[in-house]
Amino acid sequence: MDIIPAIDIKDGQCVRLYQGDYQRQTIFDPDPVAVARRWTELGAQRLHVIDLDGAKLGRPVNAQIVFAIVRAVSIPVQLGGGLRDEPTVDAAIHLGVDRIILGTAALADSQLIKRLIERYDDRIVISVDARDGWVATNGWLETSHVRAADLVRRMAEFGVQSVLYTDITRDGTLHGPNLDTTAELVALHGPAIIAAGGVGSLADLQSLDEIGVAAAVIGRALYTGAVDLAEALRTIGAGGKVSR
């Protein structure tokens, strides 16, 4: 299982939100590029970067910082937040981003997803962010009437190869991931599942590994020291293997 450090950018700084609430943020570092270098030096094989301002506004806001991160590290960067049309996706790829994470667009424009999958194949990751089982959109500010499992099935039909699943109620809490729902999505035997939200210990990562997720995104636990990245990579991580 890959272990992917998260770098969430808001107002140009590295922050973590609590349950996706923009009013409940903690600033962990004013320099996201320095954070990217730190996680890389500790052995990360991929970085998960989210433009929180972009997710809220529906367009990229922190592109210059993202580009600086891509230039500063030698490992792949996956990016989400505000990427809702072909020009912005193309621009991110042109900047050197390895994988594109699409959330709101997956519900709003199925034809867009099909076109991007045809063009970029496994470089497109669909983010399924759920609150009480229902998919949330627009920076997690709105909740749809689509169930998480149904969206995963639909994306599988489009040829999506990877899905990032986040339980919003667990995100930023350190209370542990939603193992039951994550296991249900893995059991669909569709796209590879990347789990996010709630990881607070090495044991949580081990549990995710045991149920068969392809990768785990970890944020607050790294920033608070609850999980040591080097130790996690050594005991659980893919040992240098970078998978799509």
C-alpha atoms as a PDB file:
ATOM      1  CA  MET A   1       0.000   0.000   0.000  1.00  0.00           C
ATOM      2  CA  ASP A   2       1.289   3.438  -0.925  1.00  0.00           C
ATOM      3  CA  ILE A   3       1.294   6.118   1.766  1.00  0.00           C
ATOM      4  CA  ILE A   4       0.780   9.596   0.352  1.00  0.00           C
ATOM      5  CA  PRO A   5       1.341  12.762   2.422  1.00  0.00           C
ATOM      6  CA  ALA A   6      -1.287  15.446   1.940  1.00  0.00           C
ATOM      7  CA  ILE A   7      -0.548  19.128   1.422  1.00  0.00           C
ATOM      8  CA  ASP A   8      -3.682  21.269   1.570  1.00  0.00           C
ATOM      9  CA  ILE A   9      -3.177  24.873   0.471  1.00  0.00           C
ATOM     10  CA  LYS A  10      -5.366  27.751   1.615  1.00  0.00           C
ATOM     11  CA  ASP A  11      -4.421  31.420   1.412  1.00  0.00           C
ATOM     12  CA  GLY A  12      -0.981  30.291   0.260  1.00  0.00           C
ATOM     13  CA  GLN A  13      -0.309  28.290   3.415  1.00  0.00           C
ATOM     14  CA  CYS A  14      -0.266  24.620   4.379  1.00  0.00           C
ATOM     15  CA  VAL A  15      -3.367  23.978   6.470  1.00  0.00           C
ATOM     16  CA  ARG A  16      -5.638  21.210   7.664  1.00  0.00           C
ATOM     17  CA  LEU A  17      -9.387  21.529   7.963  1.00  0.00           C
ATOM     18  CA  TYR A  18     -11.568  19.715  10.481  1.00  0.00           C
ATOM     19  CA  GLN A  19     -14.270  17.677   8.729  1.00  0.00           C
ATOM     20  CA  GLY A  20     -13.871  19.862   5.663  1.00  0.00           C
ATOM     21  CA  ASP A  21     -15.004  22.993   7.517  1.00  0.00           C
ATOM     22  CA  TYR A  22     -13.272  26.067   6.105  1.00  0.00           C
ATOM     23  CA  GLN A  23     -13.936  27.890   9.379  1.00  0.00           C
ATOM     24  CA  ARG A  24     -12.074  25.249  11.400  1.00  0.00           C
ATOM     25  CA  GLN A  25      -8.590  25.327   9.974  1.00  0.00           C
ATOM     26  CA  THR A  26      -5.175  24.855  11.510  1.00  0.00           C
ATOM     27  CA  ILE A  27      -2.171  26.449   9.830  1.00  0.00           C
ATOM     28  CA  PHE A  28       0.760  24.051  10.023  1.00  0.00           C
ATOM     29  CA  ASP A  29       3.302  25.795   7.826  1.00  0.00           C
ATOM     30  CA  PRO A  30       3.335  29.059   5.863  1.00  0.00           C
ATOM     31  CA  ASP A  31       5.502  27.452   3.164  1.00  0.00           C
ATOM     32  CA  PRO A  32       3.885  24.506   1.320  1.00  0.00           C
ATOM     33  CA  VAL A  33       6.995  24.074  -0.836  1.00  0.00           C
ATOM     34  CA  ALA A  34       9.153  23.497   2.242  1.00  0.00           C
ATOM     35  CA  VAL A  35       6.605  20.945   3.444  1.00  0.00           C
ATOM     36  CA  ALA A  36       6.775  19.141   0.101  1.00  0.00           C
ATOM     37  CA  ARG A  37      10.543  18.970   0.342  1.00  0.00           C
ATOM     38  CA  ARG A  38      10.330  17.643   3.901  1.00  0.00           C
ATOM     39  CA  TRP A  39       7.972  14.793   3.044  1.00  0.00           C
ATOM     40  CA  THR A  40      10.115  13.930   0.024  1.00  0.00           C
ATOM     41  CA  GLU A  41      13.275  13.826   2.126  1.00  0.00           C
ATOM     42  CA  LEU A  42      11.537  11.466   4.554  1.00  0.00           C
ATOM     43  CA  GLY A  43      10.876   9.014   1.738  1.00  0.00           C
ATOM     44  CA  ALA A  44       7.473   9.864   0.284  1.00  0.00           C
ATOM     45  CA  GLN A  45       7.014   8.498  -3.226  1.00  0.00           C
ATOM     46  CA  ARG A  46       4.074  10.718  -4.158  1.00  0.00           C
ATOM     47  CA  LEU A  47       2.443  13.912  -2.859  1.00  0.00           C
ATOM     48  CA  HIS A  48      -1.258  14.696  -2.610  1.00  0.00           C
ATOM     49  CA  VAL A  49      -1.821  18.432  -3.103  1.00  0.00           C
ATOM     50  CA  ILE A  50      -5.218  20.101  -2.747  1.00  0.00           C
ATOM     51  CA  ASP A  51      -5.958  23.705  -3.668  1.00  0.00           C
ATOM     52  CA  LEU A  52      -8.624  24.389  -1.045  1.00  0.00           C
ATOM     53  CA  ASP A  53      -9.281  27.885  -2.334  1.00  0.00           C
ATOM     54  CA  GLY A  54      -9.732  26.415  -5.797  1.00  0.00           C
ATOM     55  CA  ALA A  55     -12.120  23.744  -4.527  1.00  0.00           C
ATOM     56  CA  LYS A  56     -14.287  26.414  -2.932  1.00  0.00           C
ATOM     57  CA  LEU A  57     -14.247  28.866  -5.842  1.00  0.00           C
ATOM     58  CA  GLY A  58     -14.401  26.319  -8.659  1.00  0.00           C
ATOM     59  CA  ARG A  59     -11.184  27.412 -10.370  1.00  0.00           C
ATOM     60  CA  PRO A  60      -7.442  27.054  -9.633  1.00  0.00           C
ATOM     61  CA  VAL A  61      -6.194  29.676  -7.182  1.00  0.00           C
ATOM     62  CA  ASN A  62      -2.815  28.436  -5.964  1.00  0.00           C
ATOM     63  CA  ALA A  63      -1.353  27.306  -9.297  1.00  0.00           C
ATOM     64  CA  GLN A  64       1.942  29.139  -8.757  1.00  0.00           C
ATOM     65  CA  ILE A  65       2.527  27.327  -5.466  1.00  0.00           C
ATOM     66  CA  VAL A  66       1.603  24.008  -7.047  1.00  0.00           C
ATOM     67  CA  PHE A  67       4.065  24.649  -9.871  1.00  0.00           C
ATOM     68  CA  ALA A  68       6.747  25.513  -7.311  1.00  0.00           C
ATOM     69  CA  ILE A  69       6.093  22.223  -5.521  1.00  0.00           C
ATOM     70  CA  VAL A  70       6.313  20.250  -8.767  1.00  0.00           C
ATOM     71  CA  ARG A  71       9.650  21.907  -9.560  1.00  0.00           C
ATOM     72  CA  ALA A  72      10.987  21.445  -6.031  1.00  0.00           C
ATOM     73  CA  VAL A  73      10.517  17.680  -5.745  1.00  0.00           C
ATOM     74  CA  SER A  74      11.502  14.712  -7.862  1.00  0.00           C
ATOM     75  CA  ILE A  75       8.437  12.591  -7.072  1.00  0.00           C
ATOM     76  CA  PRO A  76       4.984  12.606  -8.712  1.00  0.00           C
ATOM     77  CA  VAL A  77       2.393  15.103  -7.535  1.00  0.00           C
ATOM     78  CA  GLN A  78      -1.341  14.536  -7.727  1.00  0.00           C
ATOM     79  CA  LEU A  79      -3.537  17.629  -7.637  1.00  0.00           C
ATOM     80  CA  GLY A  80      -7.138  18.390  -6.819  1.00  0.00           C
ATOM     81  CA  GLY A  81      -9.239  21.465  -6.180  1.00  0.00           C
ATOM     82  CA  GLY A  82     -10.983  23.662  -8.728  1.00  0.00           C
ATOM     83  CA  LEU A  83     -10.214  21.471 -11.733  1.00  0.00           C
ATOM     84  CA  ARG A  84     -13.588  21.343 -13.444  1.00  0.00           C
ATOM     85  CA  ASP A  85     -12.972  21.751 -17.165  1.00  0.00           C
ATOM     86  CA  GLU A  86     -10.556  20.634 -19.859  1.00  0.00           C
ATOM     87  CA  PRO A  87      -8.448  23.823 -20.038  1.00  0.00           C
ATOM     88  CA  THR A  88      -7.647  23.762 -16.313  1.00  0.00           C
ATOM     89  CA  VAL A  89      -6.839  20.049 -16.412  1.00  0.00           C
ATOM     90  CA  ASP A  90      -4.637  20.538 -19.469  1.00  0.00           C
ATOM     91  CA  ALA A  91      -2.869  23.450 -17.753  1.00  0.00           C
ATOM     92  CA  ALA A  92      -2.168  21.378 -14.644  1.00  0.00           C
ATOM     93  CA  ILE A  93      -0.743  18.548 -16.724  1.00  0.00           C
ATOM     94  CA  HIS A  94       1.379  21.097 -18.599  1.00  0.00           C
ATOM     95  CA  LEU A  95       2.723  22.356 -15.253  1.00  0.00           C
ATOM     96  CA  GLY A  96       4.016  18.858 -14.562  1.00  0.00           C
ATOM     97  CA  VAL A  97       1.266  17.455 -12.353  1.00  0.00           C
ATOM     98  CA  ASP A  98       1.212  13.663 -12.638  1.00  0.00           C
ATOM     99  CA  ARG A  99      -2.369  12.840 -11.671  1.00  0.00           C
ATOM    100  CA  ILE A 100      -5.505  14.951 -11.695  1.00  0.00           C
ATOM    101  CA  ILE A 101      -8.147  14.538  -8.999  1.00  0.00           C
ATOM    102  CA  LEU A 102     -11.685  15.391 -10.079  1.00  0.00           C
ATOM    103  CA  GLY A 103     -14.593  15.518  -7.662  1.00  0.00           C
ATOM    104  CA  THR A 104     -17.392  17.924  -8.476  1.00  0.00           C
ATOM    105  CA  ALA A 105     -16.880  17.408 -12.213  1.00  0.00           C
ATOM    106  CA  ALA A 106     -17.614  13.687 -11.838  1.00  0.00           C
ATOM    107  CA  LEU A 107     -21.213  14.501 -10.950  1.00  0.00           C
ATOM    108  CA  ALA A 108     -21.657  17.661 -12.969  1.00  0.00           C
ATOM    109  CA  ASP A 109     -20.310  16.567 -16.348  1.00  0.00           C
ATOM    110  CA  SER A 110     -20.025  12.878 -17.165  1.00  0.00           C
ATOM    111  CA  GLN A 111     -19.022  13.634 -20.755  1.00  0.00           C
ATOM    112  CA  LEU A 112     -16.057  15.639 -19.485  1.00  0.00           C
ATOM    113  CA  ILE A 113     -14.914  12.662 -17.443  1.00  0.00           C
ATOM    114  CA  LYS A 114     -15.200  10.366 -20.451  1.00  0.00           C
ATOM    115  CA  ARG A 115     -13.158  12.743 -22.619  1.00  0.00           C
ATOM    116  CA  LEU A 116     -10.455  13.173 -19.995  1.00  0.00           C
ATOM    117  CA  ILE A 117     -10.209   9.420 -19.404  1.00  0.00           C
ATOM    118  CA  GLU A 118      -9.817   8.921 -23.142  1.00  0.00           C
ATOM    119  CA  ARG A 119      -7.046  11.520 -23.244  1.00  0.00           C
ATOM    120  CA  TYR A 120      -5.202  10.935 -19.973  1.00  0.00           C
ATOM    121  CA  ASP A 121      -6.217   7.390 -18.981  1.00  0.00           C
ATOM    122  CA  ASP A 122      -4.982   6.481 -15.488  1.00  0.00           C
ATOM    123  CA  ARG A 123      -3.765   9.996 -14.779  1.00  0.00           C
ATOM    124  CA  ILE A 124      -7.370  10.868 -13.922  1.00  0.00           C
ATOM    125  CA  VAL A 125      -8.458  10.024 -10.365  1.00  0.00           C
ATOM    126  CA  ILE A 126     -12.054  10.509  -9.274  1.00  0.00           C
ATOM    127  CA  SER A 127     -12.580  11.876  -5.784  1.00  0.00           C
ATOM    128  CA  VAL A 128     -15.620  10.432  -4.038  1.00  0.00           C
ATOM    129  CA  ASP A 129     -16.094  12.555  -0.934  1.00  0.00           C
ATOM    130  CA  ALA A 130     -19.000  11.411   1.203  1.00  0.00           C
ATOM    131  CA  ARG A 131     -20.894  12.636   4.229  1.00  0.00           C
ATOM    132  CA  ASP A 132     -23.077   9.921   5.811  1.00  0.00           C
ATOM    133  CA  GLY A 133     -22.768   7.954   2.575  1.00  0.00           C
ATOM    134  CA  TRP A 134     -23.876  10.796   0.276  1.00  0.00           C
ATOM    135  CA  VAL A 135     -21.432  12.380  -2.159  1.00  0.00           C
ATOM    136  CA  ALA A 136     -20.476  15.995  -1.400  1.00  0.00           C
ATOM    137  CA  THR A 137     -19.408  18.537  -4.026  1.00  0.00           C
ATOM    138  CA  ASN A 138     -18.155  22.102  -4.458  1.00  0.00           C
ATOM    139  CA  GLY A 139     -15.405  21.976  -1.864  1.00  0.00           C
ATOM    140  CA  TRP A 140     -17.600  19.740   0.342  1.00  0.00           C
ATOM    141  CA  LEU A 141     -19.987  22.653   0.828  1.00  0.00           C
ATOM    142  CA  GLU A 142     -22.935  20.893  -0.850  1.00  0.00           C
ATOM    143  CA  THR A 143     -24.309  17.360  -0.504  1.00  0.00           C
ATOM    144  CA  SER A 144     -25.777  15.511  -3.479  1.00  0.00           C
ATOM    145  CA  HIS A 145     -28.403  12.761  -3.688  1.00  0.00           C
ATOM    146  CA  VAL A 146     -25.884  10.241  -5.029  1.00  0.00           C
ATOM    147  CA  ARG A 147     -24.530   7.409  -2.895  1.00  0.00           C
ATOM    148  CA  ALA A 148     -20.762   6.919  -2.807  1.00  0.00           C
ATOM    149  CA  ALA A 149     -20.912   3.309  -3.999  1.00  0.00           C
ATOM    150  CA  ASP A 150     -23.185   4.247  -6.903  1.00  0.00           C
ATOM    151  CA  LEU A 151     -20.746   6.915  -8.072  1.00  0.00           C
ATOM    152  CA  VAL A 152     -17.850   4.455  -7.894  1.00  0.00           C
ATOM    153  CA  ARG A 153     -19.814   1.982 -10.027  1.00  0.00           C
ATOM    154  CA  ARG A 154     -20.622   4.696 -12.555  1.00  0.00           C
ATOM    155  CA  MET A 155     -17.000   5.782 -12.774  1.00  0.00           C
ATOM    156  CA  ALA A 156     -15.929   2.171 -13.315  1.00  0.00           C
ATOM    157  CA  GLU A 157     -18.192   2.080 -16.370  1.00  0.00           C
ATOM    158  CA  PHE A 158     -16.339   5.117 -17.718  1.00  0.00           C
ATOM    159  CA  GLY A 159     -12.991   3.351 -17.378  1.00  0.00           C
ATOM    160  CA  VAL A 160     -11.775   5.158 -14.271  1.00  0.00           C
ATOM    161  CA  GLN A 161      -8.918   3.193 -12.735  1.00  0.00           C
ATOM    162  CA  SER A 162      -8.516   4.929  -9.359  1.00  0.00           C
ATOM    163  CA  VAL A 163     -10.954   6.456  -6.888  1.00  0.00           C
ATOM    164  CA  LEU A 164     -10.011   8.587  -3.904  1.00  0.00           C
ATOM    165  CA  TYR A 165     -12.566   7.944  -1.155  1.00  0.00           C
ATOM    166  CA  THR A 166     -12.841  10.399   1.732  1.00  0.00           C
ATOM    167  CA  ASP A 167     -15.242  10.142   4.646  1.00  0.00           C
ATOM    168  CA  ILE A 168     -15.741  13.832   5.411  1.00  0.00           C
ATOM    169  CA  THR A 169     -16.927  13.231   8.965  1.00  0.00           C
ATOM    170  CA  ARG A 170     -13.596  11.541   9.732  1.00  0.00           C
ATOM    171  CA  ASP A 171     -11.352  13.952   7.837  1.00  0.00           C
ATOM    172  CA  GLY A 172      -8.971  15.858  10.084  1.00  0.00           C
ATOM    173  CA  THR A 173     -10.234  14.166  13.255  1.00  0.00           C
ATOM    174  CA  LEU A 174      -7.529  11.501  13.823  1.00  0.00           C
ATOM    175  CA  HIS A 175     -10.398   9.223  14.925  1.00  0.00           C
ATOM    176  CA  GLY A 176      -9.655   6.503  12.397  1.00  0.00           C
ATOM    177  CA  PRO A 177     -10.889   5.888   8.844  1.00  0.00           C
ATOM    178  CA  ASN A 178     -14.314   4.546   7.943  1.00  0.00           C
ATOM    179  CA  LEU A 179     -13.166   0.980   7.427  1.00  0.00           C
ATOM    180  CA  ASP A 180     -16.614  -0.481   6.758  1.00  0.00           C
ATOM    181  CA  THR A 181     -17.470   1.774   3.827  1.00  0.00           C
ATOM    182  CA  THR A 182     -13.923   1.650   2.497  1.00  0.00           C
ATOM    183  CA  ALA A 183     -14.038  -2.155   2.535  1.00  0.00           C
ATOM    184  CA  GLU A 184     -17.378  -2.082   0.694  1.00  0.00           C
ATOM    185  CA  LEU A 185     -15.850   0.028  -2.062  1.00  0.00           C
ATOM    186  CA  VAL A 186     -12.825  -2.266  -2.308  1.00  0.00           C
ATOM    187  CA  ALA A 187     -15.209  -5.235  -2.555  1.00  0.00           C
ATOM    188  CA  LEU A 188     -16.787  -3.766  -5.687  1.00  0.00           C
ATOM    189  CA  HIS A 189     -13.620  -4.918  -7.505  1.00  0.00           C
ATOM    190  CA  GLY A 190     -13.741  -1.834  -9.670  1.00  0.00           C
ATOM    191  CA  PRO A 191     -11.285   1.070  -9.572  1.00  0.00           C
ATOM    192  CA  ALA A 192      -8.392   0.897  -7.122  1.00  0.00           C
ATOM    193  CA  ILE A 193      -9.407   2.634  -3.886  1.00  0.00           C
ATOM    194  CA  ILE A 194      -7.262   5.344  -2.324  1.00  0.00           C
ATOM    195  CA  ALA A 195      -8.468   6.004   1.228  1.00  0.00           C
ATOM    196  CA  ALA A 196      -8.422   9.363   2.989  1.00  0.00           C
ATOM    197  CA  GLY A 197      -9.876  10.847   6.128  1.00  0.00           C
ATOM    198  CA  GLY A 198      -9.349  10.025   9.779  1.00  0.00           C
ATOM    199  CA  VAL A 199      -5.998   8.245   9.850  1.00  0.00           C
ATOM    200  CA  GLY A 200      -4.555   8.875  13.294  1.00  0.00           C
ATOM    201  CA  SER A 201      -2.114   6.059  13.932  1.00  0.00           C
ATOM    202  CA  LEU A 202       0.096   3.420  12.397  1.00  0.00           C
ATOM    203  CA  ALA A 203      -2.590   0.892  13.330  1.00  0.00           C
ATOM    204  CA  ASP A 204      -5.094   2.768  11.157  1.00  0.00           C
ATOM    205  CA  LEU A 205      -2.741   2.466   8.201  1.00  0.00           C
ATOM    206  CA  GLN A 206      -2.284  -1.232   8.889  1.00  0.00           C
ATOM    207  CA  SER A 207      -6.058  -1.704   8.934  1.00  0.00           C
ATOM    208  CA  LEU A 208      -6.408   0.007   5.566  1.00  0.00           C
ATOM    209  CA  ASP A 209      -3.636  -2.153   4.165  1.00  0.00           C
ATOM    210  CA  GLU A 210      -5.380  -5.287   5.411  1.00  0.00           C
ATOM    211  CA  ILE A 211      -8.685  -4.494   3.687  1.00  0.00           C
ATOM    212  CA  GLY A 212      -6.926  -4.018   0.371  1.00  0.00           C
ATOM    213  CA  VAL A 213      -6.799  -0.315  -0.421  1.00  0.00           C
ATOM    214  CA  ALA A 214      -4.206   0.699  -2.987  1.00  0.00           C
ATOM    215  CA  ALA A 215      -3.013   3.765  -1.096  1.00  0.00           C
ATOM    216  CA  ALA A 216      -3.741   5.918   1.928  1.00  0.00           C
ATOM    217  CA  VAL A 217      -3.598   9.701   2.005  1.00  0.00           C
ATOM    218  CA  ILE A 218      -2.483  11.012   5.376  1.00  0.00           C
ATOM    219  CA  GLY A 219      -2.555  14.603   6.563  1.00  0.00           C
ATOM    220  CA  ARG A 220      -3.113  15.824  10.112  1.00  0.00           C
ATOM    221  CA  ALA A 221      -1.517  12.738  11.668  1.00  0.00           C
ATOM    222  CA  LEU A 222       1.776  13.634   9.982  1.00  0.00           C
ATOM    223  CA  TYR A 223       1.610  17.297  10.926  1.00  0.00           C
ATOM    224  CA  THR A 224       0.839  16.599  14.586  1.00  0.00           C
ATOM    225  CA  GLY A 225       3.411  13.815  14.880  1.00  0.00           C
ATOM    226  CA  ALA A 226       0.796  11.142  15.562  1.00  0.00           C
ATOM    227  CA  VAL A 227       2.338   9.161  12.697  1.00  0.00           C
ATOM    228  CA  ASP A 228       6.006   9.179  11.737  1.00  0.00           C
ATOM    229  CA  LEU A 229       6.199   9.126   7.951  1.00  0.00           C
ATOM    230  CA  ALA A 230       9.537   7.338   7.733  1.00  0.00           C
ATOM    231  CA  GLU A 231       8.327   4.612  10.093  1.00  0.00           C
ATOM    232  CA  ALA A 232       5.040   4.229   8.239  1.00  0.00           C
ATOM    233  CA  LEU A 233       6.803   3.920   4.895  1.00  0.00           C
ATOM    234  CA  ARG A 234       9.255   1.439   6.343  1.00  0.00           C
ATOM    235  CA  THR A 235       6.649  -0.842   7.903  1.00  0.00           C
ATOM    236  CA  ILE A 236       3.673  -0.482   5.557  1.00  0.00           C
ATOM    237  CA  GLY A 237       4.500   1.606   2.506  1.00  0.00           C
ATOM    238  CA  ALA A 238       5.260   0.356  -0.954  1.00  0.00           C
ATOM    239  CA  GLY A 239       8.998   0.580  -0.461  1.00  0.00           C
ATOM    240  CA  GLY A 240       9.759   2.881  -3.352  1.00  0.00           C
ATOM    241  CA  LYS A 241       7.054   1.565  -5.665  1.00  0.00           C
ATOM    242  CA  VAL A 242       4.965   4.296  -7.231  1.00  0.00           C
ATOM    243  CA  SER A 243       1.629   3.023  -8.489  1.00  0.00           C
ATOM    244  CA  ARG A 244      -1.081   4.797 -10.411  1.00  0.00           C
END
